[in-house]
C-alpha atoms as a PDB file:
ATOM      1  CA  MET A   1      95.496  96.603 103.258  1.00  0.00           C
ATOM      2  CA  ALA A   2      97.235  96.500  99.878  1.00  0.00           C
ATOM      3  CA  GLU A   3      95.843  99.949  99.043  1.00  0.00           C
ATOM      4  CA  ILE A   4      96.929 101.324 102.423  1.00  0.00           C
ATOM      5  CA  ARG A   5     100.443  99.896 101.998  1.00  0.00           C
ATOM      6  CA  HIS A   6     100.639 101.419  98.504  1.00  0.00           C
ATOM      7  CA  ARG A   7      99.694 104.872  99.781  1.00  0.00           C
ATOM      8  CA  MET A   8     102.133 104.579 102.671  1.00  0.00           C
ATOM      9  CA  SER A   9     104.881 103.569 100.238  1.00  0.00           C
ATOM     10  CA  ASN A  10     104.227 106.673  98.169  1.00  0.00           C
ATOM     11  CA  GLY A  11     104.318 108.814 101.306  1.00  0.00           C
ATOM     12  CA  PHE A  12     107.655 107.332 102.403  1.00  0.00           C
ATOM     13  CA  GLN A  13     109.127 107.971  98.953  1.00  0.00           C
ATOM     14  CA  ILE A  14     108.132 111.627  99.209  1.00  0.00           C
ATOM     15  CA  LEU A  15     109.639 111.871 102.712  1.00  0.00           C
ATOM     16  CA  GLN A  16     112.888 110.305 101.541  1.00  0.00           C
ATOM     17  CA  ALA A  17     113.148 112.609  98.537  1.00  0.00           C
ATOM     18  CA  PHE A  18     112.429 115.678 100.684  1.00  0.00           C
ATOM     19  CA  THR A  19     115.009 114.630 103.304  1.00  0.00           C
ATOM     20  CA  ARG A  20     117.686 114.024 100.673  1.00  0.00           C
ATOM     21  CA  GLN A  21     116.963 117.490  99.251  1.00  0.00           C
ATOM     22  CA  GLN A  22     117.404 119.004 102.711  1.00  0.00           C
ATOM     23  CA  ILE A  23     120.702 117.158 103.181  1.00  0.00           C
ATOM     24  CA  ARG A  24     122.068 118.614  99.927  1.00  0.00           C
ATOM     25  CA  SER A  25     121.249 122.136 101.105  1.00  0.00           C
ATOM     26  CA  CYS A  26     122.839 121.804 104.577  1.00  0.00           C
ATOM     27  CA  ASP A  27     125.639 124.188 105.552  1.00  0.00           C
ATOM     28  CA  SER A  28     127.093 122.134 108.409  1.00  0.00           C
ATOM     29  CA  GLN A  29     128.236 118.561 108.890  1.00  0.00           C
ATOM     30  CA  GLU A  30     126.206 118.287 112.076  1.00  0.00           C
ATOM     31  CA  ALA A  31     123.016 119.026 110.157  1.00  0.00           C
ATOM     32  CA  VAL A  32     124.002 116.514 107.479  1.00  0.00           C
ATOM     33  CA  ASP A  33     124.568 113.845 110.131  1.00  0.00           C
ATOM     34  CA  ARG A  34     121.267 114.522 111.891  1.00  0.00           C
ATOM     35  CA  LEU A  35     119.266 114.462 108.685  1.00  0.00           C
ATOM     36  CA  GLY A  36     121.178 111.372 107.564  1.00  0.00           C
ATOM     37  CA  ASN A  37     120.060 109.570 110.722  1.00  0.00           C
ATOM     38  CA  LEU A  38     116.498 110.693 110.088  1.00  0.00           C
ATOM     39  CA  LEU A  39     116.679 109.410 106.510  1.00  0.00           C
ATOM     40  CA  THR A  40     117.883 106.027 107.773  1.00  0.00           C
ATOM     41  CA  GLN A  41     114.902 105.787 110.110  1.00  0.00           C
ATOM     42  CA  ILE A  42     112.479 106.658 107.317  1.00  0.00           C
ATOM     43  CA  GLU A  43     114.085 104.054 105.065  1.00  0.00           C
ATOM     44  CA  THR A  44     113.824 101.462 107.835  1.00  0.00           C
ATOM     45  CA  VAL A  45     110.085 101.967 108.297  1.00  0.00           C
ATOM     46  CA  ALA A  46     109.565 102.055 104.523  1.00  0.00           C
ATOM     47  CA  ALA A  47     111.397  98.736 104.130  1.00  0.00           C
ATOM     48  CA  GLN A  48     109.291  97.183 106.870  1.00  0.00           C
ATOM     49  CA  GLN A  49     106.057  98.278 105.208  1.00  0.00           C
ATOM     50  CA  SER A  50     107.288  97.005 101.846  1.00  0.00           C
ATOM     51  CA  ALA A  51     108.015  93.589 103.361  1.00  0.00           C
ATOM     52  CA  LEU A  52     104.612  93.482 105.046  1.00  0.00           C
ATOM     53  CA  SER A  53     102.980  94.036 101.665  1.00  0.00           C
ATOM     54  CA  GLU A  54     104.248  90.545 100.770  1.00  0.00           C
ATOM     55  CA  ALA A  55     102.579  89.116 103.858  1.00  0.00           C
ATOM     56  CA  ASP A  56      99.316  90.859 102.922  1.00  0.00           C
ATOM     57  CA  THR A  57      99.118  88.542  99.906  1.00  0.00           C
ATOM     58  CA  GLY A  58      99.838  85.436 102.008  1.00  0.00           C
ATOM     59  CA  ASN A  59     103.444  85.156 100.802  1.00  0.00           C
ATOM     60  CA  PHE A  60     105.102  84.511 104.165  1.00  0.00           C
ATOM     61  CA  SER A  61     108.444  83.417 102.728  1.00  0.00           C
ATOM     62  CA  GLY A  62     108.375  86.517 100.513  1.00  0.00           C
ATOM     63  CA  PHE A  63     108.028  88.660 103.628  1.00  0.00           C
ATOM     64  CA  ILE A  64     111.035  86.995 105.259  1.00  0.00           C
ATOM     65  CA  GLU A  65     113.172  87.387 102.140  1.00  0.00           C
ATOM     66  CA  ALA A  66     112.174  91.064 101.886  1.00  0.00           C
ATOM     67  CA  ILE A  67     112.744  91.859 105.573  1.00  0.00           C
ATOM     68  CA  GLU A  68     116.058  89.979 105.932  1.00  0.00           C
ATOM     69  CA  PRO A  69     118.231  92.839 104.540  1.00  0.00           C
ATOM     70  CA  LEU A  70     116.648  95.216 107.060  1.00  0.00           C
ATOM     71  CA  TRP A  71     117.329  92.797 109.916  1.00  0.00           C
ATOM     72  CA  GLN A  72     120.915  92.474 108.693  1.00  0.00           C
ATOM     73  CA  ARG A  73     121.346  96.246 108.658  1.00  0.00           C
ATOM     74  CA  LEU A  74     119.866  96.696 112.135  1.00  0.00           C
ATOM     75  CA  GLY A  75     122.025  93.874 113.438  1.00  0.00           C
ATOM     76  CA  ASP A  76     125.191  95.333 111.926  1.00  0.00           C
ATOM     77  CA  GLN A  77     124.557  98.586 113.771  1.00  0.00           C
ATOM     78  CA  SER A  78     124.593  96.691 117.088  1.00  0.00           C
ATOM     79  CA  GLY A  79     127.281  94.137 116.276  1.00  0.00           C
ATOM     80  CA  VAL A  80     124.682  91.360 116.036  1.00  0.00           C
ATOM     81  CA  ALA A  81     124.803  88.763 113.250  1.00  0.00           C
ATOM     82  CA  ILE A  82     121.411  87.741 111.825  1.00  0.00           C
ATOM     83  CA  GLU A  83     121.020  84.256 110.371  1.00  0.00           C
ATOM     84  CA  VAL A  84     117.816  83.188 108.594  1.00  0.00           C
ATOM     85  CA  ASP A  85     116.862  79.561 107.922  1.00  0.00           C
ATOM     86  CA  LEU A  86     113.709  79.383 105.803  1.00  0.00           C
ATOM     87  CA  ASP A  87     112.102  76.059 104.934  1.00  0.00           C
ATOM     88  CA  GLY A  88     111.402  76.729 101.243  1.00  0.00           C
ATOM     89  CA  GLU A  89     108.434  78.625  99.826  1.00  0.00           C
ATOM     90  CA  ILE A  90     105.738  79.118 102.465  1.00  0.00           C
ATOM     91  CA  SER A  91     102.298  80.611 101.835  1.00  0.00           C
ATOM     92  CA  PHE A  92      99.371  81.037 104.204  1.00  0.00           C
ATOM     93  CA  SER A  93      96.106  82.906 104.180  1.00  0.00           C
ATOM     94  CA  PRO A  94      96.770  86.689 104.169  1.00  0.00           C
ATOM     95  CA  THR A  95      95.561  87.049 107.771  1.00  0.00           C
ATOM     96  CA  VAL A  96      97.833  84.291 109.083  1.00  0.00           C
ATOM     97  CA  ALA A  97     100.838  85.505 107.079  1.00  0.00           C
ATOM     98  CA  GLU A  98     100.419  89.111 108.242  1.00  0.00           C
ATOM     99  CA  THR A  99     100.015  88.122 111.904  1.00  0.00           C
ATOM    100  CA  ALA A 100     102.975  85.730 111.820  1.00  0.00           C
ATOM    101  CA  SER A 101     105.069  88.466 110.200  1.00  0.00           C
ATOM    102  CA  ARG A 102     104.250  90.871 113.012  1.00  0.00           C
ATOM    103  CA  ILE A 103     105.327  88.220 115.522  1.00  0.00           C
ATOM    104  CA  LEU A 104     108.733  87.895 113.871  1.00  0.00           C
ATOM    105  CA  LEU A 105     109.151  91.666 113.598  1.00  0.00           C
ATOM    106  CA  GLU A 106     108.505  92.084 117.320  1.00  0.00           C
ATOM    107  CA  ALA A 107     110.674  89.107 118.303  1.00  0.00           C
ATOM    108  CA  VAL A 108     113.731  90.033 116.251  1.00  0.00           C
ATOM    109  CA  THR A 109     113.535  93.677 117.299  1.00  0.00           C
ATOM    110  CA  ASN A 110     113.344  92.615 120.964  1.00  0.00           C
ATOM    111  CA  CYS A 111     116.444  90.450 120.536  1.00  0.00           C
ATOM    112  CA  ILE A 112     118.521  93.156 118.907  1.00  0.00           C
ATOM    113  CA  GLU A 113     117.484  95.770 121.488  1.00  0.00           C
ATOM    114  CA  HIS A 114     117.606  93.749 124.716  1.00  0.00           C
ATOM    115  CA  ALA A 115     119.575  90.504 124.387  1.00  0.00           C
ATOM    116  CA  PHE A 116     122.995  92.108 123.912  1.00  0.00           C
ATOM    117  CA  PRO A 117     123.527  95.006 126.349  1.00  0.00           C
ATOM    118  CA  GLY A 118     126.762  96.922 126.472  1.00  0.00           C
ATOM    119  CA  ASP A 119     127.651  96.358 122.820  1.00  0.00           C
ATOM    120  CA  ARG A 120     128.542  92.735 123.582  1.00  0.00           C
ATOM    121  CA  GLY A 121     127.347  91.530 120.147  1.00  0.00           C
ATOM    122  CA  GLY A 122     126.146  88.048 119.312  1.00  0.00           C
ATOM    123  CA  ILE A 123     123.980  86.005 116.966  1.00  0.00           C
ATOM    124  CA  VAL A 124     120.239  85.858 116.349  1.00  0.00           C
ATOM    125  CA  GLU A 125     118.915  82.887 114.381  1.00  0.00           C
ATOM    126  CA  ILE A 126     115.471  82.953 112.766  1.00  0.00           C
ATOM    127  CA  LYS A 127     114.193  79.512 111.786  1.00  0.00           C
ATOM    128  CA  VAL A 128     110.874  78.964 110.035  1.00  0.00           C
ATOM    129  CA  GLU A 129     109.536  75.572 109.040  1.00  0.00           C
ATOM    130  CA  THR A 130     106.262  73.806 108.401  1.00  0.00           C
ATOM    131  CA  THR A 131     106.299  70.910 110.841  1.00  0.00           C
ATOM    132  CA  ASP A 132     103.538  69.170 108.888  1.00  0.00           C
ATOM    133  CA  VAL A 133     100.843  70.084 106.372  1.00  0.00           C
ATOM    134  CA  TYR A 134      98.793  71.989 108.935  1.00  0.00           C
ATOM    135  CA  HIS A 135     101.338  73.470 111.362  1.00  0.00           C
ATOM    136  CA  CYS A 136     104.184  75.966 111.274  1.00  0.00           C
ATOM    137  CA  GLU A 137     106.895  76.749 113.806  1.00  0.00           C
ATOM    138  CA  CYS A 138     108.887  79.966 114.000  1.00  0.00           C
ATOM    139  CA  ARG A 139     111.895  80.079 116.312  1.00  0.00           C
ATOM    140  CA  VAL A 140     114.027  83.066 117.241  1.00  0.00           C
ATOM    141  CA  ILE A 141     117.219  81.989 119.001  1.00  0.00           C
ATOM    142  CA  ASP A 142     119.867  84.262 120.500  1.00  0.00           C
ATOM    143  CA  ASN A 143     123.070  83.765 122.464  1.00  0.00           C
ATOM    144  CA  GLY A 144     122.580  86.888 124.530  1.00  0.00           C
ATOM    145  CA  VAL A 145     122.267  87.459 128.261  1.00  0.00           C
ATOM    146  CA  GLY A 146     119.121  85.373 128.644  1.00  0.00           C
ATOM    147  CA  PHE A 147     116.239  86.320 130.915  1.00  0.00           C
ATOM    148  CA  GLU A 148     115.225  86.106 134.536  1.00  0.00           C
ATOM    149  CA  GLY A 149     111.752  85.722 136.012  1.00  0.00           C
ATOM    150  CA  ASP A 150     108.469  85.639 134.120  1.00  0.00           C
ATOM    151  CA  ARG A 151     108.136  86.914 130.552  1.00  0.00           C
ATOM    152  CA  THR A 152     105.738  89.784 131.312  1.00  0.00           C
ATOM    153  CA  GLY A 153     107.169  92.667 129.282  1.00  0.00           C
ATOM    154  CA  GLN A 154     105.263  94.607 126.659  1.00  0.00           C
ATOM    155  CA  GLY A 155     107.063  92.950 123.746  1.00  0.00           C
ATOM    156  CA  THR A 156     106.488  89.427 125.019  1.00  0.00           C
ATOM    157  CA  GLY A 157     102.862  90.284 125.734  1.00  0.00           C
ATOM    158  CA  ILE A 158     102.377  91.383 122.127  1.00  0.00           C
ATOM    159  CA  ILE A 159     103.979  88.188 120.822  1.00  0.00           C
ATOM    160  CA  ARG A 160     101.887  85.994 123.106  1.00  0.00           C
ATOM    161  CA  SER A 161      98.674  87.787 122.112  1.00  0.00           C
ATOM    162  CA  LEU A 162      99.424  87.550 118.386  1.00  0.00           C
ATOM    163  CA  ALA A 163     100.222  83.837 118.705  1.00  0.00           C
ATOM    164  CA  GLU A 164      96.922  83.238 120.473  1.00  0.00           C
ATOM    165  CA  THR A 165      95.145  85.139 117.698  1.00  0.00           C
ATOM    166  CA  LEU A 166      96.480  82.485 115.326  1.00  0.00           C
ATOM    167  CA  GLY A 167      95.289  79.691 117.593  1.00  0.00           C
ATOM    168  CA  GLY A 168      98.900  78.993 118.510  1.00  0.00           C
ATOM    169  CA  GLN A 169     101.239  79.379 121.445  1.00  0.00           C
ATOM    170  CA  ALA A 170     104.448  81.274 122.182  1.00  0.00           C
ATOM    171  CA  THR A 171     106.972  79.791 124.611  1.00  0.00           C
ATOM    172  CA  TRP A 172     110.343  81.050 125.850  1.00  0.00           C
ATOM    173  CA  SER A 173     113.149  78.884 127.200  1.00  0.00           C
ATOM    174  CA  ARG A 174     116.765  79.325 128.242  1.00  0.00           C
ATOM    175  CA  ARG A 175     119.544  77.891 126.125  1.00  0.00           C
ATOM    176  CA  SER A 176     121.968  75.650 127.990  1.00  0.00           C
ATOM    177  CA  SER A 177     124.847  77.551 126.382  1.00  0.00           C
ATOM    178  CA  GLY A 178     123.337  80.944 127.213  1.00  0.00           C
ATOM    179  CA  GLY A 179     120.636  82.998 125.573  1.00  0.00           C
ATOM    180  CA  THR A 180     116.975  82.537 124.811  1.00  0.00           C
ATOM    181  CA  VAL A 181     114.805  80.471 122.475  1.00  0.00           C
ATOM    182  CA  LEU A 182     111.390  81.772 121.447  1.00  0.00           C
ATOM    183  CA  SER A 183     109.202  79.169 119.780  1.00  0.00           C
ATOM    184  CA  VAL A 184     105.861  80.071 118.204  1.00  0.00           C
ATOM    185  CA  GLU A 185     103.757  77.217 116.842  1.00  0.00           C
ATOM    186  CA  PHE A 186     100.456  77.790 115.083  1.00  0.00           C
ATOM    187  CA  PRO A 187      98.034  75.973 112.758  1.00  0.00           C
ATOM    188  CA  VAL A 188      97.931  76.917 109.069  1.00  0.00           C
ATOM    189  CA  ASN A 189      95.870  76.058 106.001  1.00  0.00           C
ATOM    190  CA  LEU A 190      93.397  74.024 108.042  1.00  0.00           C
ATOM    191  CA  PRO A 191      90.559  72.274 106.178  1.00  0.00           C
ATOM    192  CA  ASP A 192      87.250  74.130 106.248  1.00  0.00           C
ATOM    193  CA  GLU A 193      85.617  71.551 108.532  1.00  0.00           C
ATOM    194  CA  VAL A 194      88.399  71.941 111.128  1.00  0.00           C
ATOM    195  CA  GLU A 195      88.100  75.729 111.022  1.00  0.00           C
ATOM    196  CA  ALA A 196      84.335  75.382 111.573  1.00  0.00           C
ATOM    197  CA  MET A 197      84.875  73.101 114.579  1.00  0.00           C
ATOM    198  CA  ASN A 198      87.383  75.504 116.124  1.00  0.00           C
ATOM    199  CA  LYS A 199      84.997  78.440 115.738  1.00  0.00           C
ATOM    200  CA  ALA A 200      82.195  76.372 117.239  1.00  0.00           C
ATOM    201  CA  ARG A 201      84.311  75.693 120.329  1.00  0.00           C
ATOM    202  CA  VAL A 202      84.894  79.440 120.758  1.00  0.00           C
END
């Protein structure tokens, strides 16, 4: 994965350099604006991949610190404030860290895109803490429009599936003051004998 991320990073750098070159040679403001938007999208994906490279090493807190500026930028574009509360330095196995990172990426993106229709703006809080030596909880809290009915959309399905991959569970609840709370709890850094017992049950 580290090698793949490295090659992707090089590819994104080439794309960014090529796009900037095209912008400098544009004859119209419309073309500059269109290519500028394209450059922003390339930079966004590049930043995401760079952050995930931290998760590939098991550095979960490093992923969050690397991805936070991107979340801030995406939130600013929609009038949404992003607040991150990280419980110190957190490291997992590379597989757990990468999967948990994908859960947060999906959850925060869903909030920014769907919780605040009509440019209403709001706040998204991301809270990550180790509840004890062997468990972690990630919560994504928004003060948006909330939800109705069952959580059966594509995004929620991805989050639920990823949580189950970790041996954990994703739950959604309504906030009394309006909005939604997503809580994902999962085991981490389990002793070898516990891992063996869990696999035996499967």
